[in-house]
Amino acid sequence: MRGVNSDSRSATRPRAGTVPGRLAAPAGVLAAVAGAFAYVGTVDPHEPGHYPVCPLLRFTGLYCPGCGGLRSAHSFIHGDLAAALQSNAVAVLGYLGFAALWTVWVVRAARGRPLRLALAPAWLWTLGALLLVFTVVRNLPLGDWLHP
């Protein structure tokens, strides 16, 4: 009976060294992201009461870098790129960046090579500075076109 259980497990679950086994993690991440996008695409964040309000916006009246991200995702899913960019342009760049990074991950995993993300501190500081500038500008009167 012991041999049957070990054989049945190996027959139903792909081994880590095989291509399906190496693609399991990227497939799981894609399934989770697709599920989240499907939910946001179905439950409209433009209608009040479906999602919680950003605490920073609620208590200070200031937009954080993520404000409008759900509305942006909803518009992006429905093919309205202009509305998605208007809701949160940084989020749209994030969706596209995720898609590119995920594609690289899948190709490397299929080839049996690990995904290595070795960003130099300068890149991280630059990304942080750009998010800070985006946040400040969208909260200034001249940046009202960046309001969600």
N, C-alpha and C. Protein backbone atom coordinates (compact mmCIF):
# COMPACT_ATOMS: atom_id res chain seq x y z
N MET A 1 0.82 -1.20 0.00
CA MET A 1 0.00 0.00 0.00
C MET A 1 0.86 1.26 0.00
N ARG A 2 2.02 1.20 0.64
CA ARG A 2 2.89 2.36 0.66
C ARG A 2 3.35 2.74 -0.74
N GLY A 3 3.70 1.76 -1.53
CA GLY A 3 4.16 2.03 -2.88
C GLY A 3 3.09 2.65 -3.75
N VAL A 4 1.82 2.29 -3.51
CA VAL A 4 0.72 2.84 -4.29
C VAL A 4 0.56 4.32 -4.00
N ASN A 5 0.65 4.72 -2.74
CA ASN A 5 0.49 6.13 -2.39
C ASN A 5 1.61 6.97 -2.98
N SER A 6 2.85 6.50 -2.90
CA SER A 6 3.94 7.30 -3.43
C SER A 6 3.86 7.39 -4.95
N ASP A 7 3.43 6.30 -5.60
CA ASP A 7 3.28 6.34 -7.05
C ASP A 7 2.13 7.26 -7.45
N SER A 8 1.03 7.23 -6.70
CA SER A 8 -0.11 8.06 -7.08
C SER A 8 0.22 9.55 -6.89
N ARG A 9 1.02 9.87 -5.88
CA ARG A 9 1.41 11.27 -5.70
C ARG A 9 2.29 11.75 -6.85
N SER A 10 3.25 10.94 -7.23
CA SER A 10 4.14 11.37 -8.31
C SER A 10 3.43 11.41 -9.65
N ALA A 11 2.36 10.63 -9.80
CA ALA A 11 1.63 10.63 -11.07
C ALA A 11 0.72 11.85 -11.19
N THR A 12 0.27 12.41 -10.07
CA THR A 12 -0.67 13.52 -10.15
C THR A 12 -0.01 14.88 -9.98
N ARG A 13 1.14 14.94 -9.35
CA ARG A 13 1.81 16.22 -9.12
C ARG A 13 3.09 16.27 -9.94
N PRO A 14 3.29 17.36 -10.71
CA PRO A 14 4.52 17.46 -11.50
C PRO A 14 5.73 17.64 -10.59
N ARG A 15 6.82 17.02 -10.97
CA ARG A 15 8.05 17.15 -10.20
C ARG A 15 8.71 18.47 -10.49
N ALA A 16 9.45 18.98 -9.50
CA ALA A 16 10.06 20.30 -9.61
C ALA A 16 11.05 20.39 -10.76
N GLY A 17 11.69 19.31 -11.15
CA GLY A 17 12.68 19.35 -12.20
C GLY A 17 12.09 19.35 -13.60
N THR A 18 10.82 19.02 -13.74
CA THR A 18 10.19 18.98 -15.05
C THR A 18 9.69 20.37 -15.43
N VAL A 19 9.43 20.56 -16.71
CA VAL A 19 8.95 21.86 -17.17
C VAL A 19 7.62 22.22 -16.49
N PRO A 20 6.63 21.32 -16.42
CA PRO A 20 5.40 21.69 -15.71
C PRO A 20 5.66 22.03 -14.24
N GLY A 21 6.57 21.34 -13.62
CA GLY A 21 6.91 21.64 -12.23
C GLY A 21 7.55 23.00 -12.07
N ARG A 22 8.41 23.35 -13.01
CA ARG A 22 9.07 24.66 -12.94
C ARG A 22 8.11 25.80 -13.26
N LEU A 23 7.05 25.51 -14.00
CA LEU A 23 6.08 26.55 -14.37
C LEU A 23 4.94 26.66 -13.36
N ALA A 24 4.95 25.83 -12.32
CA ALA A 24 3.86 25.85 -11.34
C ALA A 24 3.78 27.18 -10.60
N ALA A 25 4.89 27.72 -10.15
CA ALA A 25 4.87 28.98 -9.40
C ALA A 25 4.40 30.15 -10.28
N PRO A 26 4.96 30.33 -11.49
CA PRO A 26 4.44 31.42 -12.34
C PRO A 26 2.95 31.23 -12.67
N ALA A 27 2.53 30.00 -12.87
CA ALA A 27 1.11 29.75 -13.17
C ALA A 27 0.24 30.10 -11.97
N GLY A 28 0.70 29.79 -10.78
CA GLY A 28 -0.05 30.13 -9.57
C GLY A 28 -0.17 31.63 -9.38
N VAL A 29 0.93 32.35 -9.62
CA VAL A 29 0.90 33.82 -9.51
C VAL A 29 -0.04 34.40 -10.56
N LEU A 30 0.02 33.89 -11.77
CA LEU A 30 -0.87 34.37 -12.82
C LEU A 30 -2.34 34.10 -12.46
N ALA A 31 -2.62 32.95 -11.90
CA ALA A 31 -4.00 32.62 -11.51
C ALA A 31 -4.50 33.59 -10.43
N ALA A 32 -3.64 33.91 -9.46
CA ALA A 32 -4.04 34.83 -8.40
C ALA A 32 -4.28 36.24 -8.95
N VAL A 33 -3.39 36.70 -9.81
CA VAL A 33 -3.54 38.04 -10.39
C VAL A 33 -4.76 38.08 -11.31
N ALA A 34 -4.96 37.05 -12.10
CA ALA A 34 -6.13 37.00 -12.99
C ALA A 34 -7.42 36.98 -12.17
N GLY A 35 -7.42 36.26 -11.05
CA GLY A 35 -8.59 36.24 -10.19
C GLY A 35 -8.89 37.61 -9.61
N ALA A 36 -7.84 38.30 -9.16
CA ALA A 36 -8.02 39.66 -8.61
C ALA A 36 -8.53 40.61 -9.69
N PHE A 37 -7.95 40.54 -10.88
CA PHE A 37 -8.40 41.41 -11.97
C PHE A 37 -9.82 41.06 -12.40
N ALA A 38 -10.17 39.78 -12.39
CA ALA A 38 -11.54 39.38 -12.74
C ALA A 38 -12.53 39.96 -11.73
N TYR A 39 -12.17 39.94 -10.45
CA TYR A 39 -13.06 40.50 -9.43
C TYR A 39 -13.22 42.00 -9.63
N VAL A 40 -12.11 42.70 -9.81
CA VAL A 40 -12.18 44.15 -10.01
C VAL A 40 -12.91 44.49 -11.31
N GLY A 41 -12.76 43.65 -12.32
CA GLY A 41 -13.46 43.89 -13.57
C GLY A 41 -14.96 43.67 -13.44
N THR A 42 -15.37 42.83 -12.49
CA THR A 42 -16.78 42.53 -12.29
C THR A 42 -17.44 43.50 -11.31
N VAL A 43 -16.74 43.79 -10.21
CA VAL A 43 -17.29 44.67 -9.17
C VAL A 43 -16.70 46.06 -9.40
N ASP A 44 -17.52 46.95 -9.91
CA ASP A 44 -17.08 48.28 -10.36
C ASP A 44 -16.66 49.17 -9.19
N PRO A 45 -15.37 49.57 -9.15
CA PRO A 45 -14.92 50.46 -8.07
C PRO A 45 -15.39 51.90 -8.25
N HIS A 46 -15.99 52.24 -9.38
CA HIS A 46 -16.53 53.58 -9.57
C HIS A 46 -17.81 53.78 -8.74
N GLU A 47 -18.46 52.69 -8.37
CA GLU A 47 -19.66 52.75 -7.54
C GLU A 47 -19.26 52.70 -6.08
N PRO A 48 -19.70 53.66 -5.26
CA PRO A 48 -19.30 53.69 -3.86
C PRO A 48 -19.83 52.49 -3.08
N GLY A 49 -19.07 52.10 -2.06
CA GLY A 49 -19.50 51.04 -1.17
C GLY A 49 -18.95 49.67 -1.46
N HIS A 50 -18.30 49.48 -2.60
CA HIS A 50 -17.78 48.16 -2.94
C HIS A 50 -16.39 47.92 -2.35
N TYR A 51 -15.60 48.96 -2.22
CA TYR A 51 -14.23 48.83 -1.74
C TYR A 51 -14.00 49.87 -0.64
N PRO A 52 -13.05 49.61 0.26
CA PRO A 52 -12.78 50.63 1.29
C PRO A 52 -12.12 51.87 0.69
N VAL A 53 -12.32 53.00 1.35
CA VAL A 53 -11.73 54.26 0.92
C VAL A 53 -10.28 54.30 1.40
N CYS A 54 -9.41 54.91 0.60
CA CYS A 54 -8.01 55.07 0.99
C CYS A 54 -7.95 55.85 2.30
N PRO A 55 -7.29 55.33 3.34
CA PRO A 55 -7.23 56.04 4.62
C PRO A 55 -6.53 57.40 4.51
N LEU A 56 -5.49 57.50 3.70
CA LEU A 56 -4.79 58.78 3.56
C LEU A 56 -5.73 59.82 2.94
N LEU A 57 -6.46 59.43 1.91
CA LEU A 57 -7.40 60.34 1.27
C LEU A 57 -8.52 60.72 2.24
N ARG A 58 -9.01 59.75 2.97
CA ARG A 58 -10.13 60.00 3.88
C ARG A 58 -9.75 60.97 5.01
N PHE A 59 -8.57 60.79 5.59
CA PHE A 59 -8.21 61.60 6.75
C PHE A 59 -7.45 62.88 6.42
N THR A 60 -6.81 62.94 5.26
CA THR A 60 -6.02 64.14 4.93
C THR A 60 -6.49 64.84 3.67
N GLY A 61 -7.24 64.13 2.82
CA GLY A 61 -7.65 64.72 1.55
C GLY A 61 -6.56 64.64 0.48
N LEU A 62 -5.45 63.95 0.80
CA LEU A 62 -4.34 63.81 -0.15
C LEU A 62 -4.42 62.46 -0.86
N TYR A 63 -4.04 62.47 -2.13
CA TYR A 63 -4.01 61.23 -2.91
C TYR A 63 -2.67 60.54 -2.70
N CYS A 64 -2.71 59.25 -2.39
CA CYS A 64 -1.48 58.47 -2.29
C CYS A 64 -1.12 57.95 -3.69
N PRO A 65 0.04 57.33 -3.87
CA PRO A 65 0.39 56.83 -5.22
C PRO A 65 -0.55 55.74 -5.71
N GLY A 66 -1.24 55.07 -4.80
CA GLY A 66 -2.14 53.99 -5.20
C GLY A 66 -3.58 54.42 -5.42
N CYS A 67 -3.93 55.65 -5.02
CA CYS A 67 -5.31 56.11 -5.18
C CYS A 67 -5.72 56.05 -6.65
N GLY A 68 -6.85 55.44 -6.90
CA GLY A 68 -7.35 55.29 -8.26
C GLY A 68 -6.87 54.01 -8.92
N GLY A 69 -6.08 53.21 -8.20
CA GLY A 69 -5.56 51.98 -8.79
C GLY A 69 -6.63 50.97 -9.15
N LEU A 70 -7.65 50.82 -8.30
CA LEU A 70 -8.73 49.88 -8.61
C LEU A 70 -9.55 50.38 -9.79
N ARG A 71 -9.83 51.68 -9.82
CA ARG A 71 -10.56 52.24 -10.97
C ARG A 71 -9.74 52.10 -12.24
N SER A 72 -8.43 52.28 -12.10
CA SER A 72 -7.54 52.11 -13.24
C SER A 72 -7.59 50.67 -13.75
N ALA A 73 -7.53 49.71 -12.82
CA ALA A 73 -7.58 48.30 -13.21
C ALA A 73 -8.91 47.97 -13.89
N HIS A 74 -10.00 48.50 -13.35
CA HIS A 74 -11.32 48.25 -13.94
C HIS A 74 -11.38 48.78 -15.38
N SER A 75 -10.91 50.00 -15.56
CA SER A 75 -10.91 50.57 -16.91
C SER A 75 -9.97 49.82 -17.84
N PHE A 76 -8.81 49.42 -17.34
CA PHE A 76 -7.83 48.66 -18.12
C PHE A 76 -8.43 47.34 -18.59
N ILE A 77 -9.11 46.65 -17.70
CA ILE A 77 -9.73 45.37 -18.03
C ILE A 77 -10.79 45.54 -19.12
N HIS A 78 -11.52 46.65 -19.05
CA HIS A 78 -12.58 46.89 -20.02
C HIS A 78 -12.07 47.58 -21.29
N GLY A 79 -10.74 47.71 -21.42
CA GLY A 79 -10.15 48.22 -22.65
C GLY A 79 -10.14 49.72 -22.80
N ASP A 80 -10.45 50.45 -21.74
CA ASP A 80 -10.46 51.91 -21.80
C ASP A 80 -9.13 52.43 -21.25
N LEU A 81 -8.12 52.45 -22.11
CA LEU A 81 -6.77 52.82 -21.68
C LEU A 81 -6.70 54.27 -21.24
N ALA A 82 -7.43 55.15 -21.90
CA ALA A 82 -7.41 56.57 -21.52
C ALA A 82 -7.95 56.76 -20.11
N ALA A 83 -9.05 56.11 -19.77
CA ALA A 83 -9.61 56.21 -18.42
C ALA A 83 -8.69 55.55 -17.41
N ALA A 84 -8.05 54.44 -17.79
CA ALA A 84 -7.12 53.77 -16.88
C ALA A 84 -5.94 54.68 -16.56
N LEU A 85 -5.40 55.33 -17.57
CA LEU A 85 -4.28 56.25 -17.35
C LEU A 85 -4.71 57.45 -16.53
N GLN A 86 -5.92 57.95 -16.74
CA GLN A 86 -6.41 59.09 -15.98
C GLN A 86 -6.63 58.72 -14.52
N SER A 87 -7.09 57.51 -14.25
CA SER A 87 -7.33 57.08 -12.87
C SER A 87 -6.02 56.92 -12.10
N ASN A 88 -5.04 56.28 -12.71
CA ASN A 88 -3.73 56.12 -12.08
C ASN A 88 -2.73 55.64 -13.12
N ALA A 89 -1.97 56.58 -13.66
CA ALA A 89 -1.00 56.25 -14.72
C ALA A 89 0.10 55.33 -14.20
N VAL A 90 0.51 55.51 -12.96
CA VAL A 90 1.56 54.66 -12.39
C VAL A 90 1.08 53.22 -12.28
N ALA A 91 -0.19 53.03 -11.96
CA ALA A 91 -0.73 51.67 -11.87
C ALA A 91 -0.69 50.99 -13.23
N VAL A 92 -1.03 51.72 -14.29
CA VAL A 92 -0.98 51.12 -15.64
C VAL A 92 0.45 50.71 -15.97
N LEU A 93 1.41 51.55 -15.64
CA LEU A 93 2.82 51.17 -15.84
C LEU A 93 3.16 49.93 -15.02
N GLY A 94 2.58 49.85 -13.83
CA GLY A 94 2.80 48.67 -12.99
C GLY A 94 2.23 47.40 -13.60
N TYR A 95 1.03 47.50 -14.20
CA TYR A 95 0.44 46.32 -14.85
C TYR A 95 1.32 45.85 -15.99
N LEU A 96 1.79 46.80 -16.78
CA LEU A 96 2.65 46.45 -17.93
C LEU A 96 3.99 45.91 -17.46
N GLY A 97 4.53 46.50 -16.40
CA GLY A 97 5.79 46.00 -15.83
C GLY A 97 5.64 44.60 -15.29
N PHE A 98 4.51 44.34 -14.61
CA PHE A 98 4.26 42.99 -14.10
C PHE A 98 4.18 41.99 -15.25
N ALA A 99 3.48 42.36 -16.32
CA ALA A 99 3.35 41.45 -17.47
C ALA A 99 4.71 41.12 -18.07
N ALA A 100 5.56 42.13 -18.20
CA ALA A 100 6.90 41.89 -18.76
C ALA A 100 7.73 41.02 -17.82
N LEU A 101 7.71 41.33 -16.53
CA LEU A 101 8.48 40.55 -15.57
C LEU A 101 7.97 39.12 -15.49
N TRP A 102 6.66 38.93 -15.53
CA TRP A 102 6.09 37.59 -15.48
C TRP A 102 6.50 36.79 -16.72
N THR A 103 6.51 37.43 -17.88
CA THR A 103 6.92 36.75 -19.11
C THR A 103 8.37 36.30 -19.03
N VAL A 104 9.24 37.16 -18.52
CA VAL A 104 10.65 36.79 -18.35
C VAL A 104 10.76 35.62 -17.37
N TRP A 105 9.97 35.66 -16.30
CA TRP A 105 9.98 34.58 -15.31
C TRP A 105 9.58 33.25 -15.95
N VAL A 106 8.52 33.25 -16.77
CA VAL A 106 8.06 32.03 -17.42
C VAL A 106 9.13 31.48 -18.36
N VAL A 107 9.73 32.33 -19.16
CA VAL A 107 10.75 31.87 -20.11
C VAL A 107 11.95 31.29 -19.36
N ARG A 108 12.39 31.97 -18.31
CA ARG A 108 13.54 31.47 -17.54
C ARG A 108 13.18 30.18 -16.82
N ALA A 109 11.98 30.08 -16.27
CA ALA A 109 11.56 28.85 -15.58
C ALA A 109 11.47 27.69 -16.56
N ALA A 110 10.96 27.93 -17.75
CA ALA A 110 10.86 26.86 -18.76
C ALA A 110 12.23 26.36 -19.16
N ARG A 111 13.21 27.24 -19.14
CA ARG A 111 14.58 26.85 -19.49
C ARG A 111 15.36 26.30 -18.30
N GLY A 112 14.71 26.27 -17.13
CA GLY A 112 15.37 25.74 -15.94
C GLY A 112 16.30 26.74 -15.26
N ARG A 113 16.13 28.02 -15.55
CA ARG A 113 16.98 29.05 -14.95
C ARG A 113 16.16 29.87 -13.98
N PRO A 114 16.72 30.22 -12.82
CA PRO A 114 15.95 30.99 -11.84
C PRO A 114 15.81 32.45 -12.27
N LEU A 115 14.77 33.09 -11.76
CA LEU A 115 14.57 34.51 -12.00
C LEU A 115 15.39 35.26 -10.95
N ARG A 116 16.27 36.11 -11.40
CA ARG A 116 17.09 36.89 -10.49
C ARG A 116 16.76 38.36 -10.66
N LEU A 117 16.31 38.97 -9.58
CA LEU A 117 16.01 40.39 -9.59
C LEU A 117 17.07 41.09 -8.74
N ALA A 118 18.09 41.54 -9.38
CA ALA A 118 19.17 42.22 -8.68
C ALA A 118 19.22 43.67 -9.14
N LEU A 119 18.34 44.48 -8.54
CA LEU A 119 18.33 45.89 -8.88
C LEU A 119 19.34 46.63 -8.02
N ALA A 120 20.11 47.47 -8.64
CA ALA A 120 21.07 48.28 -7.90
C ALA A 120 20.30 49.28 -7.04
N PRO A 121 20.86 49.68 -5.92
CA PRO A 121 20.17 50.65 -5.07
C PRO A 121 19.79 51.93 -5.81
N ALA A 122 20.58 52.33 -6.78
CA ALA A 122 20.25 53.54 -7.54
C ALA A 122 18.91 53.40 -8.25
N TRP A 123 18.61 52.21 -8.78
CA TRP A 123 17.32 51.98 -9.45
C TRP A 123 16.18 52.07 -8.45
N LEU A 124 16.37 51.50 -7.27
CA LEU A 124 15.32 51.55 -6.25
C LEU A 124 15.08 52.97 -5.77
N TRP A 125 16.15 53.74 -5.57
CA TRP A 125 16.02 55.13 -5.17
C TRP A 125 15.33 55.95 -6.27
N THR A 126 15.66 55.65 -7.51
CA THR A 126 15.03 56.36 -8.63
C THR A 126 13.55 56.05 -8.69
N LEU A 127 13.19 54.80 -8.53
CA LEU A 127 11.78 54.41 -8.53
C LEU A 127 11.04 55.10 -7.38
N GLY A 128 11.64 55.10 -6.21
CA GLY A 128 11.03 55.78 -5.06
C GLY A 128 10.88 57.27 -5.30
N ALA A 129 11.88 57.89 -5.89
CA ALA A 129 11.82 59.33 -6.17
C ALA A 129 10.72 59.63 -7.19
N LEU A 130 10.59 58.79 -8.21
CA LEU A 130 9.53 59.00 -9.21
C LEU A 130 8.14 58.86 -8.60
N LEU A 131 7.97 57.88 -7.70
CA LEU A 131 6.69 57.74 -7.02
C LEU A 131 6.41 58.94 -6.12
N LEU A 132 7.44 59.45 -5.47
CA LEU A 132 7.27 60.63 -4.63
C LEU A 132 6.88 61.85 -5.47
N VAL A 133 7.55 62.04 -6.59
CA VAL A 133 7.22 63.17 -7.47
C VAL A 133 5.79 63.02 -7.99
N PHE A 134 5.41 61.82 -8.40
CA PHE A 134 4.05 61.57 -8.87
C PHE A 134 3.04 61.92 -7.78
N THR A 135 3.32 61.50 -6.54
CA THR A 135 2.41 61.77 -5.44
C THR A 135 2.30 63.26 -5.15
N VAL A 136 3.41 63.95 -5.14
CA VAL A 136 3.39 65.39 -4.85
C VAL A 136 2.67 66.14 -5.96
N VAL A 137 3.00 65.84 -7.20
CA VAL A 137 2.41 66.57 -8.33
C VAL A 137 0.91 66.33 -8.40
N ARG A 138 0.45 65.10 -8.14
CA ARG A 138 -0.99 64.84 -8.25
C ARG A 138 -1.78 65.53 -7.15
N ASN A 139 -1.10 65.99 -6.09
CA ASN A 139 -1.77 66.70 -5.01
C ASN A 139 -1.65 68.22 -5.12
N LEU A 140 -0.95 68.71 -6.13
CA LEU A 140 -0.84 70.14 -6.36
C LEU A 140 -1.94 70.58 -7.34
N PRO A 141 -2.30 71.87 -7.30
CA PRO A 141 -3.32 72.35 -8.24
C PRO A 141 -2.94 72.10 -9.71
N LEU A 142 -1.67 72.21 -10.05
CA LEU A 142 -1.26 71.98 -11.44
C LEU A 142 -1.35 70.51 -11.84
N GLY A 143 -1.48 69.62 -10.87
CA GLY A 143 -1.55 68.19 -11.17
C GLY A 143 -2.95 67.63 -11.06
N ASP A 144 -3.96 68.49 -11.14
CA ASP A 144 -5.33 67.99 -11.00
C ASP A 144 -5.71 67.01 -12.10
N TRP A 145 -5.01 67.02 -13.21
CA TRP A 145 -5.27 66.06 -14.28
C TRP A 145 -4.81 64.66 -13.88
N LEU A 146 -4.04 64.54 -12.78
CA LEU A 146 -3.60 63.24 -12.29
C LEU A 146 -4.51 62.71 -11.16
N HIS A 147 -5.56 63.47 -10.81
CA HIS A 147 -6.49 63.01 -9.78
C HIS A 147 -7.30 61.84 -10.31
N PRO A 148 -7.52 60.86 -9.46
CA PRO A 148 -8.37 59.73 -9.92
C PRO A 148 -9.83 60.14 -10.06
